Amino acid sequence: MIRTWHFVGSALRNGRPIPADGVWLTHAGALMMCESGLHASPTPFDALQYSPGATLCLVDCDGETKRDTDKLVCTRRRIVARMDATELLRYFARMQALSVVHLWDAPDIMLDYLMTGEESMRTAARAAAGAAARAAARAAAGDAAWAAAWAAAWDAAWAAARAAAGAAARAAAWAAAWDAAWAAAWDAARAAARNEFNALIYECFGDWL
């Protein structure tokens, strides 16, 4: 038996309700990675990229198991503990956006939003950043490398702003941040982000680790 991580939305991917903590789910068919079986990931950061929602579960996996680099599939899985990670995900996304915001001249309202997370600033921040983005894109048209860096900063920053309501919206918002912030040019930043995110989660689940 191994202890791993798994994000869920309002229901399991096959439509079944999320089981109570301590209740074993079982899978009777063949195991096929990403297709058939009960899935989980070795770290919270690995689980994040497969997230359908913002509830993070610490899970035990048992029985037959097949492993890949950042995920596994098994025949038995139970939830040990869970948390609504919405606010933590928003905080983490904002911090990652701030780590690349120096790549362009971000409007003050956007910086204020990213630093505070104050929802009342979100609409104004997005409008101000939109105008700045268009100007920056035009200015960067002849410099592909700078434009790529700016695009990463833009997408990562506004993934945080879009992380508003609903599990599907949060998943889509994080996917945008993931695609932008974890491009090949950001390998070092990705490693640091992985460590930071895992540390935040491990602190929250300290009683069960």
Foldseek 3Di string as FASTA:
>chain_A
DDKFKAADFQDPPVRHGDDDAPDKDFFDDDDDPPPGAAKGFHFPVLNLLVHLFQKMFTKDADADKDDDDTMIGGGMMGTNDIDRCLVVVLLLLLVLLVVLVVLFDQDPLLVVCSVPVPLVSLVVRVVRRVVRVVVVCVVCVPPVVSNLSVLLSVQSSVLSSQSDDHGNSVSVSVNSNCVRCVPPVNVVVVVVSRVVSRVVVCVVVVVPD
